[in-house]
Amino acid sequence: MSPDDTLTTPVQSSLARLIGEWVGTTSTRFMPTDAFETCEVKASMRWVANGTFVLHEYDGRFNGEEAQGAAFYGIDPESGEGSAAWVDSFHSSAAPMLSKGQAAPGEILNVTTTYGDPAEPWGWQTVITEQGPDAIMIEAYNIPFGRERYVAIETKLRRASARA
């Protein structure tokens, strides 16, 4: 079965901006005092499950090693709540990170979850915004227990067809 990249529904209209082939950079760090490590990335986003979800697949490098990842993004048609399931070859354990949340005006998706010690959980927030007609930014924030969030991953993508 081939994907239908033109399939959209009114509920998924904000996610439709993500569909396509992308290139750009990802900057990653573990702690707020660490320097960012930046690498080039390629990403592909397409509708799956009859337009219910966007599948985001990407390739890059981290710590000198190849890294791959994937995420599903969706928006509940009843509540408008966004959801994401994310895995990658570097950050993830054997289970996907599952997140939910409501996007604010100007955001395509804004989802949050917790991980780690249940007594002192850390948070993880992913925010996707449009940066122009052919550019998006995906920011992932670490939220240490009892402290302010900080950018852990910043991905800046532009449509591969819009390369200058």
N, C-alpha and C. Protein backbone atom coordinates (compact mmCIF):
# COMPACT_ATOMS: atom_id res chain seq x y z
N MET A 1 0.85 -1.17 0.00
CA MET A 1 0.00 0.00 0.00
C MET A 1 0.90 1.23 0.00
N SER A 2 0.60 2.21 -0.83
CA SER A 2 1.40 3.43 -0.89
C SER A 2 0.73 4.53 -0.08
N PRO A 3 1.53 5.40 0.54
CA PRO A 3 0.95 6.48 1.34
C PRO A 3 0.33 7.54 0.44
N ASP A 4 -0.73 8.17 0.94
CA ASP A 4 -1.38 9.26 0.21
C ASP A 4 -0.99 10.55 0.90
N ASP A 5 0.07 11.21 0.42
CA ASP A 5 0.57 12.42 1.06
C ASP A 5 -0.35 13.62 0.88
N THR A 6 -1.38 13.48 0.07
CA THR A 6 -2.30 14.60 -0.13
C THR A 6 -3.52 14.48 0.76
N LEU A 7 -3.66 13.38 1.49
CA LEU A 7 -4.82 13.15 2.33
C LEU A 7 -4.81 14.09 3.53
N THR A 8 -5.84 14.87 3.68
CA THR A 8 -5.98 15.74 4.85
C THR A 8 -7.43 15.73 5.32
N THR A 9 -7.64 16.07 6.55
CA THR A 9 -8.97 16.25 7.10
C THR A 9 -8.97 17.58 7.82
N PRO A 10 -10.14 18.17 8.07
CA PRO A 10 -10.15 19.45 8.80
C PRO A 10 -9.43 19.39 10.14
N VAL A 11 -9.58 18.28 10.87
CA VAL A 11 -8.94 18.16 12.17
C VAL A 11 -7.43 18.15 12.03
N GLN A 12 -6.92 17.54 10.98
CA GLN A 12 -5.48 17.39 10.81
C GLN A 12 -4.86 18.55 10.04
N SER A 13 -5.58 19.60 9.77
CA SER A 13 -5.05 20.66 8.92
C SER A 13 -3.75 21.25 9.44
N SER A 14 -3.57 21.38 10.74
CA SER A 14 -2.30 21.92 11.24
C SER A 14 -1.16 20.94 10.99
N LEU A 15 -1.42 19.65 11.05
CA LEU A 15 -0.39 18.66 10.80
C LEU A 15 -0.04 18.58 9.32
N ALA A 16 -0.95 19.00 8.45
CA ALA A 16 -0.69 18.93 7.01
C ALA A 16 0.56 19.72 6.63
N ARG A 17 0.89 20.75 7.38
CA ARG A 17 2.09 21.56 7.10
C ARG A 17 3.37 20.75 7.23
N LEU A 18 3.29 19.62 7.93
CA LEU A 18 4.48 18.80 8.16
C LEU A 18 4.79 17.85 7.01
N ILE A 19 3.83 17.56 6.17
CA ILE A 19 3.98 16.54 5.14
C ILE A 19 5.03 16.95 4.12
N GLY A 20 5.99 16.04 3.86
CA GLY A 20 6.99 16.29 2.84
C GLY A 20 8.36 15.79 3.24
N GLU A 21 9.33 16.13 2.40
CA GLU A 21 10.74 15.79 2.64
C GLU A 21 11.45 17.03 3.18
N TRP A 22 12.30 16.85 4.18
CA TRP A 22 12.92 17.95 4.90
C TRP A 22 14.42 17.72 5.05
N VAL A 23 15.17 18.81 5.13
CA VAL A 23 16.60 18.79 5.45
C VAL A 23 16.87 19.91 6.45
N GLY A 24 17.93 19.76 7.22
CA GLY A 24 18.26 20.81 8.19
C GLY A 24 19.29 20.36 9.18
N THR A 25 19.20 20.91 10.39
CA THR A 25 20.15 20.60 11.44
C THR A 25 19.42 20.27 12.74
N THR A 26 20.07 19.44 13.53
CA THR A 26 19.61 19.15 14.88
C THR A 26 20.75 19.46 15.83
N SER A 27 20.45 20.21 16.88
CA SER A 27 21.42 20.52 17.94
C SER A 27 20.93 19.85 19.21
N THR A 28 21.83 19.11 19.88
CA THR A 28 21.47 18.30 21.04
C THR A 28 22.44 18.56 22.18
N ARG A 29 21.91 18.55 23.41
CA ARG A 29 22.73 18.59 24.62
C ARG A 29 21.98 17.88 25.73
N PHE A 30 22.71 17.43 26.74
CA PHE A 30 22.08 16.75 27.86
C PHE A 30 21.67 17.71 28.97
N MET A 31 22.58 18.58 29.37
CA MET A 31 22.33 19.49 30.48
C MET A 31 22.40 20.93 29.99
N PRO A 32 21.78 21.87 30.70
CA PRO A 32 21.75 23.25 30.22
C PRO A 32 23.13 23.91 30.15
N THR A 33 24.10 23.38 30.87
CA THR A 33 25.46 23.94 30.83
C THR A 33 26.32 23.31 29.73
N ASP A 34 25.82 22.23 29.11
CA ASP A 34 26.56 21.56 28.03
C ASP A 34 26.48 22.37 26.75
N ALA A 35 27.52 22.27 25.93
CA ALA A 35 27.48 22.87 24.59
C ALA A 35 26.61 21.98 23.70
N PHE A 36 25.95 22.61 22.73
CA PHE A 36 25.16 21.85 21.76
C PHE A 36 26.08 21.14 20.78
N GLU A 37 25.74 19.92 20.42
CA GLU A 37 26.37 19.21 19.31
C GLU A 37 25.38 19.29 18.15
N THR A 38 25.84 19.80 17.00
CA THR A 38 24.96 20.02 15.86
C THR A 38 25.33 19.07 14.72
N CYS A 39 24.31 18.51 14.08
CA CYS A 39 24.53 17.64 12.93
C CYS A 39 23.47 17.94 11.87
N GLU A 40 23.76 17.54 10.65
CA GLU A 40 22.79 17.66 9.57
C GLU A 40 21.82 16.49 9.66
N VAL A 41 20.56 16.75 9.32
CA VAL A 41 19.54 15.72 9.36
C VAL A 41 18.71 15.74 8.08
N LYS A 42 18.14 14.59 7.78
CA LYS A 42 17.15 14.44 6.72
C LYS A 42 15.92 13.85 7.36
N ALA A 43 14.75 14.34 6.96
CA ALA A 43 13.51 13.85 7.55
C ALA A 43 12.45 13.68 6.47
N SER A 44 11.56 12.76 6.72
CA SER A 44 10.42 12.53 5.85
C SER A 44 9.18 12.46 6.73
N MET A 45 8.13 13.17 6.34
CA MET A 45 6.88 13.12 7.09
C MET A 45 5.75 12.84 6.12
N ARG A 46 4.91 11.85 6.51
CA ARG A 46 3.80 11.45 5.64
C ARG A 46 2.62 11.00 6.48
N TRP A 47 1.45 11.06 5.84
CA TRP A 47 0.24 10.57 6.50
C TRP A 47 0.30 9.06 6.60
N VAL A 48 -0.19 8.53 7.70
CA VAL A 48 -0.40 7.09 7.88
C VAL A 48 -1.76 6.89 8.52
N ALA A 49 -2.24 5.65 8.48
CA ALA A 49 -3.52 5.30 9.10
C ALA A 49 -4.66 6.16 8.55
N ASN A 50 -4.72 6.25 7.22
CA ASN A 50 -5.78 7.01 6.53
C ASN A 50 -5.85 8.46 6.98
N GLY A 51 -4.70 9.07 7.20
CA GLY A 51 -4.67 10.48 7.56
C GLY A 51 -4.91 10.78 9.01
N THR A 52 -4.85 9.75 9.85
CA THR A 52 -5.06 9.95 11.28
C THR A 52 -3.79 10.45 11.97
N PHE A 53 -2.64 9.99 11.50
CA PHE A 53 -1.36 10.35 12.09
C PHE A 53 -0.36 10.76 11.03
N VAL A 54 0.64 11.55 11.45
CA VAL A 54 1.80 11.83 10.62
C VAL A 54 2.94 10.97 11.16
N LEU A 55 3.61 10.27 10.26
CA LEU A 55 4.80 9.51 10.61
C LEU A 55 6.02 10.35 10.23
N HIS A 56 6.86 10.66 11.20
CA HIS A 56 8.07 11.47 11.02
C HIS A 56 9.26 10.54 11.21
N GLU A 57 10.03 10.32 10.14
CA GLU A 57 11.23 9.50 10.20
C GLU A 57 12.42 10.38 9.89
N TYR A 58 13.54 10.17 10.61
CA TYR A 58 14.70 11.03 10.39
C TYR A 58 16.00 10.27 10.60
N ASP A 59 17.06 10.80 9.97
CA ASP A 59 18.42 10.27 10.08
C ASP A 59 19.37 11.42 10.37
N GLY A 60 20.35 11.19 11.23
CA GLY A 60 21.38 12.18 11.53
C GLY A 60 22.54 11.50 12.21
N ARG A 61 23.26 12.26 13.04
CA ARG A 61 24.39 11.72 13.79
C ARG A 61 24.36 12.32 15.20
N PHE A 62 24.87 11.55 16.16
CA PHE A 62 25.04 12.08 17.51
C PHE A 62 26.24 11.39 18.12
N ASN A 63 27.11 12.17 18.76
CA ASN A 63 28.36 11.64 19.34
C ASN A 63 29.16 10.87 18.30
N GLY A 64 29.13 11.34 17.05
CA GLY A 64 29.89 10.71 15.99
C GLY A 64 29.29 9.43 15.44
N GLU A 65 28.15 9.03 15.94
CA GLU A 65 27.48 7.80 15.51
C GLU A 65 26.22 8.13 14.73
N GLU A 66 25.89 7.26 13.76
CA GLU A 66 24.63 7.41 13.04
C GLU A 66 23.48 7.29 14.03
N ALA A 67 22.45 8.07 13.82
CA ALA A 67 21.26 8.03 14.66
C ALA A 67 20.02 8.09 13.77
N GLN A 68 19.04 7.29 14.12
CA GLN A 68 17.77 7.30 13.41
C GLN A 68 16.65 7.40 14.43
N GLY A 69 15.52 7.93 13.98
CA GLY A 69 14.39 8.01 14.87
C GLY A 69 13.10 8.13 14.10
N ALA A 70 12.00 8.01 14.84
CA ALA A 70 10.67 8.13 14.26
C ALA A 70 9.70 8.61 15.33
N ALA A 71 8.68 9.30 14.88
CA ALA A 71 7.62 9.74 15.78
C ALA A 71 6.30 9.68 15.02
N PHE A 72 5.24 9.42 15.75
CA PHE A 72 3.88 9.58 15.24
C PHE A 72 3.29 10.80 15.90
N TYR A 73 2.63 11.65 15.13
CA TYR A 73 1.93 12.82 15.66
C TYR A 73 0.46 12.72 15.28
N GLY A 74 -0.42 13.05 16.21
CA GLY A 74 -1.85 13.03 15.93
C GLY A 74 -2.56 14.11 16.71
N ILE A 75 -3.78 14.40 16.28
CA ILE A 75 -4.64 15.34 16.99
C ILE A 75 -6.01 14.70 17.14
N ASP A 76 -6.50 14.60 18.38
CA ASP A 76 -7.80 14.00 18.65
C ASP A 76 -8.91 14.86 18.05
N PRO A 77 -9.79 14.28 17.25
CA PRO A 77 -10.83 15.07 16.60
C PRO A 77 -11.87 15.64 17.56
N GLU A 78 -12.05 15.02 18.71
CA GLU A 78 -13.04 15.49 19.68
C GLU A 78 -12.49 16.64 20.54
N SER A 79 -11.33 16.43 21.13
CA SER A 79 -10.79 17.39 22.10
C SER A 79 -9.77 18.35 21.52
N GLY A 80 -9.21 18.01 20.35
CA GLY A 80 -8.13 18.82 19.80
C GLY A 80 -6.79 18.56 20.48
N GLU A 81 -6.76 17.59 21.40
CA GLU A 81 -5.52 17.27 22.10
C GLU A 81 -4.54 16.59 21.15
N GLY A 82 -3.28 17.05 21.19
CA GLY A 82 -2.24 16.44 20.39
C GLY A 82 -1.60 15.28 21.12
N SER A 83 -1.02 14.38 20.34
CA SER A 83 -0.29 13.26 20.93
C SER A 83 0.93 12.94 20.08
N ALA A 84 1.91 12.34 20.72
CA ALA A 84 3.12 11.92 20.01
C ALA A 84 3.65 10.65 20.66
N ALA A 85 4.24 9.80 19.82
CA ALA A 85 4.98 8.62 20.27
C ALA A 85 6.32 8.70 19.59
N TRP A 86 7.42 8.75 20.36
CA TRP A 86 8.75 8.99 19.81
C TRP A 86 9.72 7.91 20.24
N VAL A 87 10.55 7.46 19.29
CA VAL A 87 11.65 6.54 19.56
C VAL A 87 12.85 6.99 18.74
N ASP A 88 14.04 6.72 19.23
CA ASP A 88 15.23 6.92 18.40
C ASP A 88 16.33 5.99 18.87
N SER A 89 17.38 5.94 18.08
CA SER A 89 18.45 4.99 18.36
C SER A 89 19.44 5.48 19.41
N PHE A 90 19.27 6.69 19.89
CA PHE A 90 20.22 7.21 20.88
C PHE A 90 19.57 7.50 22.23
N HIS A 91 18.47 8.28 22.24
CA HIS A 91 17.87 8.72 23.50
C HIS A 91 16.93 7.70 24.12
N SER A 92 16.27 6.90 23.31
CA SER A 92 15.16 6.06 23.77
C SER A 92 15.61 4.78 24.44
N SER A 93 14.76 4.33 25.35
CA SER A 93 14.90 2.99 25.89
C SER A 93 14.13 2.07 24.94
N ALA A 94 13.74 0.91 25.40
CA ALA A 94 13.02 -0.03 24.55
C ALA A 94 11.55 0.34 24.37
N ALA A 95 11.10 1.40 25.03
CA ALA A 95 9.70 1.80 24.93
C ALA A 95 9.59 3.19 24.31
N PRO A 96 8.53 3.45 23.54
CA PRO A 96 8.35 4.80 22.99
C PRO A 96 8.00 5.80 24.09
N MET A 97 8.40 7.04 23.88
CA MET A 97 8.01 8.12 24.78
C MET A 97 6.65 8.62 24.29
N LEU A 98 5.64 8.54 25.15
CA LEU A 98 4.29 8.94 24.80
C LEU A 98 3.97 10.28 25.45
N SER A 99 3.49 11.24 24.66
CA SER A 99 3.23 12.59 25.15
C SER A 99 1.87 13.07 24.67
N LYS A 100 1.27 13.99 25.44
CA LYS A 100 -0.01 14.59 25.06
C LYS A 100 -0.01 16.06 25.46
N GLY A 101 -0.87 16.84 24.82
CA GLY A 101 -1.00 18.23 25.20
C GLY A 101 -1.77 19.05 24.18
N GLN A 102 -2.01 20.30 24.52
CA GLN A 102 -2.74 21.23 23.66
C GLN A 102 -1.77 22.24 23.07
N ALA A 103 -1.85 22.43 21.77
CA ALA A 103 -1.02 23.44 21.12
C ALA A 103 -1.59 24.83 21.40
N ALA A 104 -0.70 25.79 21.60
CA ALA A 104 -1.09 27.19 21.76
C ALA A 104 -1.17 27.84 20.38
N PRO A 105 -1.77 29.02 20.28
CA PRO A 105 -1.78 29.71 18.99
C PRO A 105 -0.36 29.85 18.45
N GLY A 106 -0.18 29.57 17.16
CA GLY A 106 1.13 29.66 16.54
C GLY A 106 1.93 28.37 16.61
N GLU A 107 1.40 27.37 17.30
CA GLU A 107 2.09 26.08 17.40
C GLU A 107 1.34 25.03 16.57
N ILE A 108 2.09 24.13 15.96
CA ILE A 108 1.48 23.00 15.27
C ILE A 108 1.17 21.89 16.26
N LEU A 109 2.10 21.64 17.18
CA LEU A 109 1.93 20.59 18.18
C LEU A 109 2.70 21.00 19.43
N ASN A 110 2.15 20.68 20.61
CA ASN A 110 2.81 20.94 21.88
C ASN A 110 2.39 19.83 22.83
N VAL A 111 3.32 18.90 23.11
CA VAL A 111 3.00 17.73 23.93
C VAL A 111 4.05 17.56 25.02
N THR A 112 3.64 16.97 26.14
CA THR A 112 4.52 16.81 27.30
C THR A 112 4.30 15.45 27.93
N THR A 113 5.36 14.92 28.55
CA THR A 113 5.29 13.69 29.32
C THR A 113 6.29 13.76 30.46
N THR A 114 6.34 12.72 31.26
CA THR A 114 7.35 12.62 32.31
C THR A 114 8.11 11.32 32.13
N TYR A 115 9.30 11.26 32.72
CA TYR A 115 10.12 10.06 32.66
C TYR A 115 11.03 10.02 33.87
N GLY A 116 11.66 8.86 34.08
CA GLY A 116 12.61 8.72 35.18
C GLY A 116 11.94 8.30 36.47
N ASP A 117 12.56 8.68 37.57
CA ASP A 117 12.12 8.31 38.92
C ASP A 117 10.71 8.87 39.18
N PRO A 118 9.72 8.02 39.43
CA PRO A 118 8.36 8.52 39.69
C PRO A 118 8.27 9.45 40.90
N ALA A 119 9.18 9.32 41.86
CA ALA A 119 9.17 10.19 43.04
C ALA A 119 9.66 11.59 42.69
N GLU A 120 10.54 11.71 41.71
CA GLU A 120 11.07 13.00 41.27
C GLU A 120 11.19 12.99 39.74
N PRO A 121 10.03 12.94 39.05
CA PRO A 121 10.06 12.78 37.59
C PRO A 121 10.57 14.03 36.87
N TRP A 122 11.25 13.78 35.77
CA TRP A 122 11.62 14.84 34.86
C TRP A 122 10.52 14.92 33.79
N GLY A 123 10.40 16.09 33.19
CA GLY A 123 9.44 16.26 32.11
C GLY A 123 10.15 16.35 30.77
N TRP A 124 9.41 16.09 29.72
CA TRP A 124 9.90 16.22 28.34
C TRP A 124 8.77 16.85 27.54
N GLN A 125 9.06 18.00 26.96
CA GLN A 125 8.06 18.74 26.18
C GLN A 125 8.58 18.90 24.76
N THR A 126 7.72 18.60 23.79
CA THR A 126 8.06 18.76 22.38
C THR A 126 7.11 19.78 21.77
N VAL A 127 7.68 20.79 21.12
CA VAL A 127 6.89 21.86 20.50
C VAL A 127 7.31 21.98 19.04
N ILE A 128 6.34 21.92 18.14
CA ILE A 128 6.60 22.09 16.71
C ILE A 128 5.94 23.39 16.26
N THR A 129 6.73 24.25 15.63
CA THR A 129 6.21 25.51 15.11
C THR A 129 6.63 25.70 13.66
N GLU A 130 5.80 26.42 12.93
CA GLU A 130 6.13 26.77 11.56
C GLU A 130 6.99 28.02 11.60
N GLN A 131 8.06 28.02 10.82
CA GLN A 131 9.00 29.15 10.78
C GLN A 131 8.94 29.88 9.44
N GLY A 132 7.91 29.64 8.68
CA GLY A 132 7.73 30.20 7.35
C GLY A 132 7.04 29.16 6.49
N PRO A 133 6.79 29.48 5.22
CA PRO A 133 6.04 28.53 4.38
C PRO A 133 6.76 27.21 4.13
N ASP A 134 8.08 27.20 4.21
CA ASP A 134 8.85 26.00 3.93
C ASP A 134 9.85 25.68 5.02
N ALA A 135 9.53 26.04 6.27
CA ALA A 135 10.45 25.80 7.39
C ALA A 135 9.65 25.51 8.67
N ILE A 136 10.17 24.57 9.45
CA ILE A 136 9.59 24.27 10.75
C ILE A 136 10.72 24.13 11.77
N MET A 137 10.36 24.26 13.04
CA MET A 137 11.31 24.02 14.12
C MET A 137 10.65 23.06 15.11
N ILE A 138 11.44 22.07 15.53
CA ILE A 138 11.01 21.13 16.55
C ILE A 138 11.93 21.32 17.74
N GLU A 139 11.38 21.79 18.84
CA GLU A 139 12.16 21.99 20.05
C GLU A 139 11.70 20.98 21.10
N ALA A 140 12.66 20.31 21.71
CA ALA A 140 12.37 19.39 22.80
C ALA A 140 13.05 19.93 24.04
N TYR A 141 12.26 20.06 25.09
CA TYR A 141 12.74 20.62 26.35
C TYR A 141 12.84 19.54 27.41
N ASN A 142 13.93 19.50 28.13
CA ASN A 142 14.04 18.71 29.34
C ASN A 142 13.54 19.58 30.48
N ILE A 143 12.80 18.98 31.39
CA ILE A 143 12.27 19.72 32.54
C ILE A 143 12.70 18.97 33.81
N PRO A 144 13.87 19.33 34.35
CA PRO A 144 14.35 18.66 35.56
C PRO A 144 13.36 18.85 36.72
N PHE A 145 13.23 17.84 37.55
CA PHE A 145 12.33 17.90 38.69
C PHE A 145 12.61 19.16 39.51
N GLY A 146 11.58 19.98 39.71
CA GLY A 146 11.69 21.17 40.54
C GLY A 146 12.48 22.32 39.94
N ARG A 147 12.85 22.23 38.66
CA ARG A 147 13.64 23.30 38.05
C ARG A 147 13.02 23.73 36.72
N GLU A 148 13.61 24.77 36.14
CA GLU A 148 13.12 25.33 34.88
C GLU A 148 13.48 24.43 33.70
N ARG A 149 12.64 24.43 32.71
CA ARG A 149 12.92 23.67 31.50
C ARG A 149 14.07 24.32 30.72
N TYR A 150 14.71 23.51 29.87
CA TYR A 150 15.75 24.03 28.98
C TYR A 150 15.70 23.25 27.67
N VAL A 151 16.15 23.87 26.59
CA VAL A 151 16.16 23.21 25.29
C VAL A 151 17.21 22.10 25.31
N ALA A 152 16.78 20.88 25.02
CA ALA A 152 17.68 19.74 24.94
C ALA A 152 17.97 19.38 23.47
N ILE A 153 16.94 19.53 22.63
CA ILE A 153 17.08 19.24 21.20
C ILE A 153 16.38 20.35 20.42
N GLU A 154 17.09 20.90 19.44
CA GLU A 154 16.49 21.91 18.56
C GLU A 154 16.74 21.49 17.12
N THR A 155 15.66 21.19 16.41
CA THR A 155 15.76 20.78 15.01
C THR A 155 15.15 21.85 14.14
N LYS A 156 15.94 22.36 13.20
CA LYS A 156 15.48 23.36 12.24
C LYS A 156 15.45 22.69 10.87
N LEU A 157 14.27 22.61 10.29
CA LEU A 157 14.09 21.93 9.01
C LEU A 157 13.54 22.87 7.96
N ARG A 158 13.96 22.64 6.71
CA ARG A 158 13.38 23.35 5.56
C ARG A 158 13.04 22.29 4.53
N ARG A 159 12.02 22.58 3.74
CA ARG A 159 11.62 21.62 2.72
C ARG A 159 12.78 21.34 1.79
N ALA A 160 13.00 20.07 1.49
CA ALA A 160 14.10 19.69 0.61
C ALA A 160 13.95 20.36 -0.76
N SER A 161 12.73 20.56 -1.21
CA SER A 161 12.50 21.20 -2.52
C SER A 161 12.74 22.70 -2.46
N ALA A 162 12.84 23.27 -1.26
CA ALA A 162 13.04 24.72 -1.10
C ALA A 162 14.49 25.06 -0.83
N ARG A 163 15.42 24.13 -1.06
CA ARG A 163 16.84 24.36 -0.79
C ARG A 163 17.35 25.52 -1.62
N ALA A 164 18.16 26.35 -0.99
CA ALA A 164 18.71 27.51 -1.71
C ALA A 164 20.02 27.17 -2.36
